[in-house]
Amino acid sequence: MTNLYLSNYPLSEYQKFLLRIIHRLRNQGYSWKRVSQYLNESGLKSSRGKQFTPNLVSQIIKKNQIRRNRGQNNYEVELSNFYYEFK
Protein backbone atom coordinates (compact mmCIF):
# COMPACT_ATOMS: atom_id res chain seq x y z
CA MET A 1 0.00 0.00 0.00
CA THR A 2 1.72 3.13 -1.12
CA ASN A 3 0.99 6.68 -0.08
CA LEU A 4 -0.85 5.68 3.07
CA TYR A 5 0.89 8.58 4.80
CA LEU A 6 -1.58 10.73 2.89
CA SER A 7 -4.37 9.27 5.00
CA ASN A 8 -4.01 12.24 7.34
CA TYR A 9 -5.31 14.49 4.58
CA PRO A 10 -9.07 14.76 4.14
CA LEU A 11 -10.72 13.25 1.08
CA SER A 12 -11.69 15.70 -1.63
CA GLU A 13 -15.37 16.15 -2.47
CA TYR A 14 -14.75 14.27 -5.74
CA GLN A 15 -13.18 11.33 -3.90
CA LYS A 16 -16.17 11.22 -1.53
CA PHE A 17 -18.49 11.32 -4.55
CA LEU A 18 -16.68 8.37 -6.16
CA LEU A 19 -16.75 6.38 -2.91
CA ARG A 20 -20.51 6.88 -2.58
CA ILE A 21 -21.06 5.64 -6.14
CA ILE A 22 -18.77 2.64 -5.70
CA HIS A 23 -20.40 1.64 -2.40
CA ARG A 24 -23.89 2.01 -3.87
CA LEU A 25 -23.03 -0.16 -6.89
CA ARG A 26 -21.30 -2.80 -4.77
CA ASN A 27 -24.33 -2.93 -2.45
CA GLN A 28 -26.46 -3.57 -5.55
CA GLY A 29 -24.29 -6.62 -6.30
CA TYR A 30 -22.06 -5.19 -9.03
CA SER A 31 -18.67 -6.87 -9.51
CA TRP A 32 -15.46 -4.83 -9.48
CA LYS A 33 -15.37 -5.16 -13.27
CA ARG A 34 -18.93 -3.94 -13.70
CA VAL A 35 -18.34 -1.01 -11.32
CA SER A 36 -15.27 0.06 -13.31
CA GLN A 37 -17.24 -0.23 -16.57
CA TYR A 38 -20.06 1.86 -15.14
CA LEU A 39 -17.69 4.60 -13.97
CA ASN A 40 -15.89 4.69 -17.32
CA GLU A 41 -19.16 4.68 -19.31
CA SER A 42 -20.35 7.58 -17.15
CA GLY A 43 -17.29 9.57 -18.22
CA LEU A 44 -15.80 9.68 -14.73
CA LYS A 45 -12.07 9.55 -14.11
CA SER A 46 -10.03 8.66 -11.07
CA SER A 47 -8.77 11.48 -8.87
CA ARG A 48 -5.53 11.25 -10.88
CA GLY A 49 -7.38 11.50 -14.20
CA LYS A 50 -7.11 7.82 -15.17
CA GLN A 51 -9.73 5.38 -16.38
CA PHE A 52 -11.04 2.89 -13.86
CA THR A 53 -9.98 -0.75 -13.78
CA PRO A 54 -11.40 -3.44 -11.50
CA ASN A 55 -8.17 -3.42 -9.50
CA LEU A 56 -8.22 0.37 -9.09
CA VAL A 57 -11.81 0.32 -7.84
CA SER A 58 -11.07 -2.40 -5.29
CA GLN A 59 -7.94 -0.56 -4.10
CA ILE A 60 -9.94 2.65 -3.62
CA ILE A 61 -12.28 0.80 -1.26
CA LYS A 62 -9.46 -1.08 0.48
CA LYS A 63 -7.43 2.07 1.13
CA ASN A 64 -10.51 3.90 2.37
CA GLN A 65 -11.16 1.09 4.87
CA ILE A 66 -7.55 1.28 6.07
CA ARG A 67 -7.89 5.06 6.37
CA ARG A 68 -11.06 4.74 8.47
CA ASN A 69 -9.63 2.02 10.72
CA ARG A 70 -6.31 3.75 11.34
CA GLY A 71 -5.96 4.83 14.92
CA GLN A 72 -8.85 2.70 16.12
CA ASN A 73 -6.70 -0.24 17.19
CA ASN A 74 -5.98 -0.58 20.87
CA TYR A 75 -2.59 -2.10 21.46
CA GLU A 76 -1.45 -3.47 24.78
CA VAL A 77 1.71 -1.94 26.13
CA GLU A 78 4.25 -4.37 27.50
CA LEU A 79 7.29 -3.04 29.30
CA SER A 80 10.33 -5.20 29.86
CA ASN A 81 13.88 -4.82 31.09
CA PHE A 82 16.45 -4.56 28.38
CA TYR A 83 20.07 -3.65 28.06
CA TYR A 84 21.54 -1.53 25.30
CA GLU A 85 25.22 -0.69 25.03
CA PHE A 86 26.74 2.03 22.84
CA LYS A 87 30.15 1.23 21.38
PDB file of N, CA and C in Angstrom:
ATOM      1  N   MET A   1       0.843  -1.165   0.000  1.00  0.00           N
ATOM      2  CA  MET A   1       0.000   0.000   0.000  1.00  0.00           C
ATOM      3  C   MET A   1       0.895   1.237   0.000  1.00  0.00           C
ATOM      4  N   THR A   2       0.895   1.941  -1.051  1.00  0.00           N
ATOM      5  CA  THR A   2       1.718   3.132  -1.119  1.00  0.00           C
ATOM      6  C   THR A   2       0.888   4.355  -0.758  1.00  0.00           C
ATOM      7  N   ASN A   3       1.581   5.383  -0.370  1.00  0.00           N
ATOM      8  CA  ASN A   3       0.986   6.683  -0.084  1.00  0.00           C
ATOM      9  C   ASN A   3      -0.034   6.655   1.048  1.00  0.00           C
ATOM     10  N   LEU A   4       0.082   5.693   1.944  1.00  0.00           N
ATOM     11  CA  LEU A   4      -0.853   5.684   3.067  1.00  0.00           C
ATOM     12  C   LEU A   4      -0.571   6.813   4.041  1.00  0.00           C
ATOM     13  N   TYR A   5       0.609   7.425   3.951  1.00  0.00           N
ATOM     14  CA  TYR A   5       0.887   8.578   4.800  1.00  0.00           C
ATOM     15  C   TYR A   5      -0.055   9.717   4.465  1.00  0.00           C
ATOM     16  N   LEU A   6      -0.642   9.683   3.283  1.00  0.00           N
ATOM     17  CA  LEU A   6      -1.580  10.727   2.892  1.00  0.00           C
ATOM     18  C   LEU A   6      -2.920  10.587   3.598  1.00  0.00           C
ATOM     19  N   SER A   7      -3.081   9.497   4.352  1.00  0.00           N
ATOM     20  CA  SER A   7      -4.372   9.266   4.996  1.00  0.00           C
ATOM     21  C   SER A   7      -4.708  10.339   6.026  1.00  0.00           C
ATOM     22  N   ASN A   8      -3.738  11.147   6.410  1.00  0.00           N
ATOM     23  CA  ASN A   8      -4.012  12.236   7.343  1.00  0.00           C
ATOM     24  C   ASN A   8      -4.688  13.406   6.647  1.00  0.00           C
ATOM     25  N   TYR A   9      -4.674  13.421   5.329  1.00  0.00           N
ATOM     26  CA  TYR A   9      -5.306  14.490   4.580  1.00  0.00           C
ATOM     27  C   TYR A   9      -6.759  14.115   4.315  1.00  0.00           C
ATOM     28  N   PRO A  10      -7.654  15.079   4.386  1.00  0.00           N
ATOM     29  CA  PRO A  10      -9.066  14.758   4.145  1.00  0.00           C
ATOM     30  C   PRO A  10      -9.311  14.407   2.677  1.00  0.00           C
ATOM     31  N   LEU A  11     -10.337  13.590   2.447  1.00  0.00           N
ATOM     32  CA  LEU A  11     -10.724  13.254   1.084  1.00  0.00           C
ATOM     33  C   LEU A  11     -11.316  14.485   0.412  1.00  0.00           C
ATOM     34  N   SER A  12     -11.077  14.611  -0.877  1.00  0.00           N
ATOM     35  CA  SER A  12     -11.694  15.704  -1.628  1.00  0.00           C
ATOM     36  C   SER A  12     -13.172  15.382  -1.831  1.00  0.00           C
ATOM     37  N   GLU A  13     -13.943  16.371  -2.206  1.00  0.00           N
ATOM     38  CA  GLU A  13     -15.369  16.147  -2.471  1.00  0.00           C
ATOM     39  C   GLU A  13     -15.545  15.150  -3.614  1.00  0.00           C
ATOM     40  N   TYR A  14     -14.668  15.203  -4.612  1.00  0.00           N
ATOM     41  CA  TYR A  14     -14.755  14.274  -5.738  1.00  0.00           C
ATOM     42  C   TYR A  14     -14.472  12.845  -5.284  1.00  0.00           C
ATOM     43  N   GLN A  15     -13.488  12.667  -4.414  1.00  0.00           N
ATOM     44  CA  GLN A  15     -13.184  11.333  -3.897  1.00  0.00           C
ATOM     45  C   GLN A  15     -14.359  10.791  -3.086  1.00  0.00           C
ATOM     46  N   LYS A  16     -14.990  11.641  -2.300  1.00  0.00           N
ATOM     47  CA  LYS A  16     -16.168  11.223  -1.533  1.00  0.00           C
ATOM     48  C   LYS A  16     -17.307  10.826  -2.473  1.00  0.00           C
ATOM     49  N   PHE A  17     -17.476  11.597  -3.537  1.00  0.00           N
ATOM     50  CA  PHE A  17     -18.492  11.318  -4.550  1.00  0.00           C
ATOM     51  C   PHE A  17     -18.257   9.945  -5.174  1.00  0.00           C
ATOM     52  N   LEU A  18     -17.010   9.668  -5.560  1.00  0.00           N
ATOM     53  CA  LEU A  18     -16.678   8.371  -6.157  1.00  0.00           C
ATOM     54  C   LEU A  18     -16.926   7.230  -5.172  1.00  0.00           C
ATOM     55  N   LEU A  19     -16.533   7.417  -3.918  1.00  0.00           N
ATOM     56  CA  LEU A  19     -16.749   6.382  -2.908  1.00  0.00           C
ATOM     57  C   LEU A  19     -18.231   6.071  -2.730  1.00  0.00           C
ATOM     58  N   ARG A  20     -19.067   7.103  -2.727  1.00  0.00           N
ATOM     59  CA  ARG A  20     -20.509   6.876  -2.584  1.00  0.00           C
ATOM     60  C   ARG A  20     -21.046   6.053  -3.750  1.00  0.00           C
ATOM     61  N   ILE A  21     -20.610   6.383  -4.963  1.00  0.00           N
ATOM     62  CA  ILE A  21     -21.064   5.640  -6.143  1.00  0.00           C
ATOM     63  C   ILE A  21     -20.597   4.191  -6.074  1.00  0.00           C
ATOM     64  N   ILE A  22     -19.324   3.991  -5.757  1.00  0.00           N
ATOM     65  CA  ILE A  22     -18.767   2.635  -5.704  1.00  0.00           C
ATOM     66  C   ILE A  22     -19.491   1.804  -4.650  1.00  0.00           C
ATOM     67  N   HIS A  23     -19.695   2.366  -3.458  1.00  0.00           N
ATOM     68  CA  HIS A  23     -20.403   1.636  -2.400  1.00  0.00           C
ATOM     69  C   HIS A  23     -21.836   1.299  -2.825  1.00  0.00           C
ATOM     70  N   ARG A  24     -22.506   2.247  -3.440  1.00  0.00           N
ATOM     71  CA  ARG A  24     -23.889   2.008  -3.871  1.00  0.00           C
ATOM     72  C   ARG A  24     -23.947   0.864  -4.878  1.00  0.00           C
ATOM     73  N   LEU A  25     -23.040   0.889  -5.869  1.00  0.00           N
ATOM     74  CA  LEU A  25     -23.030  -0.158  -6.889  1.00  0.00           C
ATOM     75  C   LEU A  25     -22.663  -1.518  -6.300  1.00  0.00           C
ATOM     76  N   ARG A  26     -21.689  -1.533  -5.404  1.00  0.00           N
ATOM     77  CA  ARG A  26     -21.302  -2.802  -4.774  1.00  0.00           C
ATOM     78  C   ARG A  26     -22.449  -3.358  -3.926  1.00  0.00           C
ATOM     79  N   ASN A  27     -23.177  -2.480  -3.239  1.00  0.00           N
ATOM     80  CA  ASN A  27     -24.329  -2.927  -2.447  1.00  0.00           C
ATOM     81  C   ASN A  27     -25.444  -3.478  -3.328  1.00  0.00           C
ATOM     82  N   GLN A  28     -25.475  -3.052  -4.593  1.00  0.00           N
ATOM     83  CA  GLN A  28     -26.456  -3.570  -5.548  1.00  0.00           C
ATOM     84  C   GLN A  28     -25.975  -4.870  -6.193  1.00  0.00           C
ATOM     85  N   GLY A  29     -24.785  -5.336  -5.804  1.00  0.00           N
ATOM     86  CA  GLY A  29     -24.288  -6.615  -6.299  1.00  0.00           C
ATOM     87  C   GLY A  29     -23.378  -6.535  -7.510  1.00  0.00           C
ATOM     88  N   TYR A  30     -22.961  -5.328  -7.892  1.00  0.00           N
ATOM     89  CA  TYR A  30     -22.062  -5.190  -9.034  1.00  0.00           C
ATOM     90  C   TYR A  30     -20.691  -5.767  -8.694  1.00  0.00           C
ATOM     91  N   SER A  31     -20.053  -6.397  -9.670  1.00  0.00           N
ATOM     92  CA  SER A  31     -18.673  -6.874  -9.509  1.00  0.00           C
ATOM     93  C   SER A  31     -17.729  -5.688  -9.672  1.00  0.00           C
ATOM     94  N   TRP A  32     -16.459  -5.898  -9.303  1.00  0.00           N
ATOM     95  CA  TRP A  32     -15.465  -4.829  -9.483  1.00  0.00           C
ATOM     96  C   TRP A  32     -15.382  -4.440 -10.957  1.00  0.00           C
ATOM     97  N   LYS A  33     -15.446  -5.432 -11.831  1.00  0.00           N
ATOM     98  CA  LYS A  33     -15.367  -5.164 -13.274  1.00  0.00           C
ATOM     99  C   LYS A  33     -16.547  -4.320 -13.733  1.00  0.00           C
ATOM    100  N   ARG A  34     -17.738  -4.682 -13.290  1.00  0.00           N
ATOM    101  CA  ARG A  34     -18.931  -3.939 -13.702  1.00  0.00           C
ATOM    102  C   ARG A  34     -18.922  -2.526 -13.125  1.00  0.00           C
ATOM    103  N   VAL A  35     -18.445  -2.356 -11.913  1.00  0.00           N
ATOM    104  CA  VAL A  35     -18.344  -1.013 -11.317  1.00  0.00           C
ATOM    105  C   VAL A  35     -17.398  -0.154 -12.151  1.00  0.00           C
ATOM    106  N   SER A  36     -16.239  -0.715 -12.517  1.00  0.00           N
ATOM    107  CA  SER A  36     -15.274   0.065 -13.310  1.00  0.00           C
ATOM    108  C   SER A  36     -15.859   0.408 -14.679  1.00  0.00           C
ATOM    109  N   GLN A  37     -16.598  -0.523 -15.282  1.00  0.00           N
ATOM    110  CA  GLN A  37     -17.238  -0.235 -16.570  1.00  0.00           C
ATOM    111  C   GLN A  37     -18.262   0.886 -16.426  1.00  0.00           C
ATOM    112  N   TYR A  38     -19.056   0.833 -15.375  1.00  0.00           N
ATOM    113  CA  TYR A  38     -20.065   1.860 -15.137  1.00  0.00           C
ATOM    114  C   TYR A  38     -19.417   3.239 -14.994  1.00  0.00           C
ATOM    115  N   LEU A  39     -18.366   3.314 -14.191  1.00  0.00           N
ATOM    116  CA  LEU A  39     -17.693   4.599 -13.969  1.00  0.00           C
ATOM    117  C   LEU A  39     -17.110   5.135 -15.270  1.00  0.00           C
ATOM    118  N   ASN A  40     -16.475   4.263 -16.053  1.00  0.00           N
ATOM    119  CA  ASN A  40     -15.887   4.687 -17.324  1.00  0.00           C
ATOM    120  C   ASN A  40     -16.963   5.108 -18.321  1.00  0.00           C
ATOM    121  N   GLU A  41     -18.061   4.344 -18.397  1.00  0.00           N
ATOM    122  CA  GLU A  41     -19.155   4.683 -19.313  1.00  0.00           C
ATOM    123  C   GLU A  41     -19.831   5.987 -18.914  1.00  0.00           C
ATOM    124  N   SER A  42     -19.764   6.324 -17.640  1.00  0.00           N
ATOM    125  CA  SER A  42     -20.350   7.578 -17.148  1.00  0.00           C
ATOM    126  C   SER A  42     -19.427   8.765 -17.385  1.00  0.00           C
ATOM    127  N   GLY A  43     -18.235   8.499 -17.925  1.00  0.00           N
ATOM    128  CA  GLY A  43     -17.293   9.570 -18.216  1.00  0.00           C
ATOM    129  C   GLY A  43     -16.505  10.046 -17.014  1.00  0.00           C
ATOM    130  N   LEU A  44     -16.542   9.292 -15.937  1.00  0.00           N
ATOM    131  CA  LEU A  44     -15.803   9.677 -14.734  1.00  0.00           C
ATOM    132  C   LEU A  44     -14.361   9.204 -14.830  1.00  0.00           C
ATOM    133  N   LYS A  45     -13.492   9.908 -14.171  1.00  0.00           N
ATOM    134  CA  LYS A  45     -12.072   9.551 -14.110  1.00  0.00           C
ATOM    135  C   LYS A  45     -11.663   9.438 -12.650  1.00  0.00           C
ATOM    136  N   SER A  46     -10.560   8.750 -12.427  1.00  0.00           N
ATOM    137  CA  SER A  46     -10.034   8.659 -11.065  1.00  0.00           C
ATOM    138  C   SER A  46      -9.564  10.039 -10.626  1.00  0.00           C
ATOM    139  N   SER A  47      -9.228  10.173  -9.362  1.00  0.00           N
ATOM    140  CA  SER A  47      -8.771  11.477  -8.871  1.00  0.00           C
ATOM    141  C   SER A  47      -7.460  11.891  -9.523  1.00  0.00           C
ATOM    142  N   ARG A  48      -6.762  10.939 -10.141  1.00  0.00           N
ATOM    143  CA  ARG A  48      -5.533  11.255 -10.883  1.00  0.00           C
ATOM    144  C   ARG A  48      -5.769  11.351 -12.386  1.00  0.00           C
ATOM    145  N   GLY A  49      -7.036  11.326 -12.800  1.00  0.00           N
ATOM    146  CA  GLY A  49      -7.381  11.501 -14.202  1.00  0.00           C
ATOM    147  C   GLY A  49      -7.281  10.249 -15.056  1.00  0.00           C
ATOM    148  N   LYS A  50      -7.237   9.084 -14.436  1.00  0.00           N
ATOM    149  CA  LYS A  50      -7.109   7.817 -15.167  1.00  0.00           C
ATOM    150  C   LYS A  50      -8.472   7.144 -15.306  1.00  0.00           C
ATOM    151  N   GLN A  51      -8.537   6.205 -16.272  1.00  0.00           N
ATOM    152  CA  GLN A  51      -9.729   5.375 -16.385  1.00  0.00           C
ATOM    153  C   GLN A  51      -9.724   4.344 -15.270  1.00  0.00           C
ATOM    154  N   PHE A  52     -10.905   3.866 -14.932  1.00  0.00           N
ATOM    155  CA  PHE A  52     -11.038   2.887 -13.862  1.00  0.00           C
ATOM    156  C   PHE A  52     -10.811   1.477 -14.373  1.00  0.00           C
ATOM    157  N   THR A  53     -10.141   0.685 -13.555  1.00  0.00           N
ATOM    158  CA  THR A  53      -9.979  -0.745 -13.785  1.00  0.00           C
ATOM    159  C   THR A  53     -10.571  -1.446 -12.564  1.00  0.00           C
ATOM    160  N   PRO A  54     -10.889  -2.733 -12.682  1.00  0.00           N
ATOM    161  CA  PRO A  54     -11.404  -3.435 -11.500  1.00  0.00           C
ATOM    162  C   PRO A  54     -10.444  -3.357 -10.311  1.00  0.00           C
ATOM    163  N   ASN A  55      -9.149  -3.479 -10.577  1.00  0.00           N
ATOM    164  CA  ASN A  55      -8.168  -3.416  -9.498  1.00  0.00           C
ATOM    165  C   ASN A  55      -8.151  -2.035  -8.842  1.00  0.00           C
ATOM    166  N   LEU A  56      -8.222  -0.986  -9.638  1.00  0.00           N
ATOM    167  CA  LEU A  56      -8.220   0.371  -9.085  1.00  0.00           C
ATOM    168  C   LEU A  56      -9.432   0.589  -8.182  1.00  0.00           C
ATOM    169  N   VAL A  57     -10.586   0.142  -8.629  1.00  0.00           N
ATOM    170  CA  VAL A  57     -11.807   0.320  -7.839  1.00  0.00           C
ATOM    171  C   VAL A  57     -11.692  -0.416  -6.507  1.00  0.00           C
ATOM    172  N   SER A  58     -11.197  -1.649  -6.540  1.00  0.00           N
ATOM    173  CA  SER A  58     -11.068  -2.403  -5.286  1.00  0.00           C
ATOM    174  C   SER A  58     -10.038  -1.768  -4.362  1.00  0.00           C
ATOM    175  N   GLN A  59      -8.960  -1.218  -4.920  1.00  0.00           N
ATOM    176  CA  GLN A  59      -7.943  -0.561  -4.097  1.00  0.00           C
ATOM    177  C   GLN A  59      -8.469   0.728  -3.470  1.00  0.00           C
ATOM    178  N   ILE A  60      -9.329   1.436  -4.176  1.00  0.00           N
ATOM    179  CA  ILE A  60      -9.936   2.649  -3.618  1.00  0.00           C
ATOM    180  C   ILE A  60     -10.709   2.296  -2.349  1.00  0.00           C
ATOM    181  N   ILE A  61     -11.496   1.226  -2.417  1.00  0.00           N
ATOM    182  CA  ILE A  61     -12.279   0.798  -1.257  1.00  0.00           C
ATOM    183  C   ILE A  61     -11.364   0.290  -0.152  1.00  0.00           C
ATOM    184  N   LYS A  62     -10.374  -0.515  -0.518  1.00  0.00           N
ATOM    185  CA  LYS A  62      -9.462  -1.084   0.477  1.00  0.00           C
ATOM    186  C   LYS A  62      -8.704   0.014   1.224  1.00  0.00           C
ATOM    187  N   LYS A  63      -8.179   0.983   0.488  1.00  0.00           N
ATOM    188  CA  LYS A  63      -7.429   2.066   1.130  1.00  0.00           C
ATOM    189  C   LYS A  63      -8.338   2.939   1.993  1.00  0.00           C
ATOM    190  N   ASN A  64      -9.577   3.112   1.562  1.00  0.00           N
ATOM    191  CA  ASN A  64     -10.505   3.895   2.374  1.00  0.00           C
ATOM    192  C   ASN A  64     -10.808   3.178   3.686  1.00  0.00           C
ATOM    193  N   GLN A  65     -10.934   1.856   3.642  1.00  0.00           N
ATOM    194  CA  GLN A  65     -11.163   1.094   4.873  1.00  0.00           C
ATOM    195  C   GLN A  65      -9.963   1.205   5.805  1.00  0.00           C
ATOM    196  N   ILE A  66      -8.764   1.131   5.254  1.00  0.00           N
ATOM    197  CA  ILE A  66      -7.552   1.283   6.066  1.00  0.00           C
ATOM    198  C   ILE A  66      -7.522   2.674   6.688  1.00  0.00           C
ATOM    199  N   ARG A  67      -7.865   3.674   5.898  1.00  0.00           N
ATOM    200  CA  ARG A  67      -7.891   5.060   6.374  1.00  0.00           C
ATOM    201  C   ARG A  67      -8.855   5.212   7.546  1.00  0.00           C
ATOM    202  N   ARG A  68     -10.051   4.620   7.414  1.00  0.00           N
ATOM    203  CA  ARG A  68     -11.057   4.740   8.473  1.00  0.00           C
ATOM    204  C   ARG A  68     -10.660   3.982   9.728  1.00  0.00           C
ATOM    205  N   ASN A  69      -9.988   2.849   9.571  1.00  0.00           N
ATOM    206  CA  ASN A  69      -9.627   2.017  10.715  1.00  0.00           C
ATOM    207  C   ASN A  69      -8.350   2.470  11.408  1.00  0.00           C
ATOM    208  N   ARG A  70      -7.576   3.305  10.752  1.00  0.00           N
ATOM    209  CA  ARG A  70      -6.315   3.746  11.335  1.00  0.00           C
ATOM    210  C   ARG A  70      -6.572   4.506  12.629  1.00  0.00           C
ATOM    211  N   GLY A  71      -5.834   4.149  13.636  1.00  0.00           N
ATOM    212  CA  GLY A  71      -5.960   4.826  14.915  1.00  0.00           C
ATOM    213  C   GLY A  71      -7.051   4.266  15.803  1.00  0.00           C
ATOM    214  N   GLN A  72      -7.791   3.282  15.314  1.00  0.00           N
ATOM    215  CA  GLN A  72      -8.853   2.699  16.125  1.00  0.00           C
ATOM    216  C   GLN A  72      -8.412   1.424  16.824  1.00  0.00           C
ATOM    217  N   ASN A  73      -7.215   0.968  16.548  1.00  0.00           N
ATOM    218  CA  ASN A  73      -6.704  -0.242  17.189  1.00  0.00           C
ATOM    219  C   ASN A  73      -6.174   0.093  18.575  1.00  0.00           C
ATOM    220  N   ASN A  74      -6.497  -0.744  19.518  1.00  0.00           N
ATOM    221  CA  ASN A  74      -5.984  -0.583  20.874  1.00  0.00           C
ATOM    222  C   ASN A  74      -4.914  -1.637  21.093  1.00  0.00           C
ATOM    223  N   TYR A  75      -3.702  -1.183  21.269  1.00  0.00           N
ATOM    224  CA  TYR A  75      -2.590  -2.102  21.461  1.00  0.00           C
ATOM    225  C   TYR A  75      -2.209  -2.128  22.933  1.00  0.00           C
ATOM    226  N   GLU A  76      -1.905  -3.319  23.410  1.00  0.00           N
ATOM    227  CA  GLU A  76      -1.452  -3.473  24.779  1.00  0.00           C
ATOM    228  C   GLU A  76       0.006  -3.074  24.874  1.00  0.00           C
ATOM    229  N   VAL A  77       0.330  -2.353  25.906  1.00  0.00           N
ATOM    230  CA  VAL A  77       1.712  -1.940  26.126  1.00  0.00           C
ATOM    231  C   VAL A  77       2.355  -2.945  27.058  1.00  0.00           C
ATOM    232  N   GLU A  78       3.513  -3.433  26.657  1.00  0.00           N
ATOM    233  CA  GLU A  78       4.247  -4.370  27.497  1.00  0.00           C
ATOM    234  C   GLU A  78       5.642  -3.804  27.713  1.00  0.00           C
ATOM    235  N   LEU A  79       5.979  -3.567  28.957  1.00  0.00           N
ATOM    236  CA  LEU A  79       7.292  -3.038  29.300  1.00  0.00           C
ATOM    237  C   LEU A  79       8.156  -4.176  29.810  1.00  0.00           C
ATOM    238  N   SER A  80       9.410  -4.160  29.402  1.00  0.00           N
ATOM    239  CA  SER A  80      10.330  -5.201  29.864  1.00  0.00           C
ATOM    240  C   SER A  80      11.694  -4.575  30.118  1.00  0.00           C
ATOM    241  N   ASN A  81      12.516  -5.279  30.847  1.00  0.00           N
ATOM    242  CA  ASN A  81      13.880  -4.816  31.088  1.00  0.00           C
ATOM    243  C   ASN A  81      14.734  -5.187  29.883  1.00  0.00           C
ATOM    244  N   PHE A  82      15.535  -4.253  29.470  1.00  0.00           N
ATOM    245  CA  PHE A  82      16.447  -4.562  28.376  1.00  0.00           C
ATOM    246  C   PHE A  82      17.743  -3.804  28.602  1.00  0.00           C
ATOM    247  N   TYR A  83      18.748  -4.243  27.906  1.00  0.00           N
ATOM    248  CA  TYR A  83      20.069  -3.651  28.056  1.00  0.00           C
ATOM    249  C   TYR A  83      20.549  -3.245  26.674  1.00  0.00           C
ATOM    250  N   TYR A  84      21.026  -2.021  26.569  1.00  0.00           N
ATOM    251  CA  TYR A  84      21.542  -1.529  25.299  1.00  0.00           C
ATOM    252  C   TYR A  84      22.877  -0.863  25.571  1.00  0.00           C
ATOM    253  N   GLU A  85      23.877  -1.218  24.805  1.00  0.00           N
ATOM    254  CA  GLU A  85      25.221  -0.686  25.027  1.00  0.00           C
ATOM    255  C   GLU A  85      25.700   0.033  23.770  1.00  0.00           C
ATOM    256  N   PHE A  86      26.155   1.274  23.949  1.00  0.00           N
ATOM    257  CA  PHE A  86      26.739   2.029  22.842  1.00  0.00           C
ATOM    258  C   PHE A  86      28.218   1.709  22.756  1.00  0.00           C
ATOM    259  N   LYS A  87      28.707   1.493  21.555  1.00  0.00           N
ATOM    260  CA  LYS A  87      30.145   1.234  21.378  1.00  0.00           C
ATOM    261  C   LYS A  87      30.778   2.331  20.573  1.00  0.00           C
TER     262      LYS A  87
END
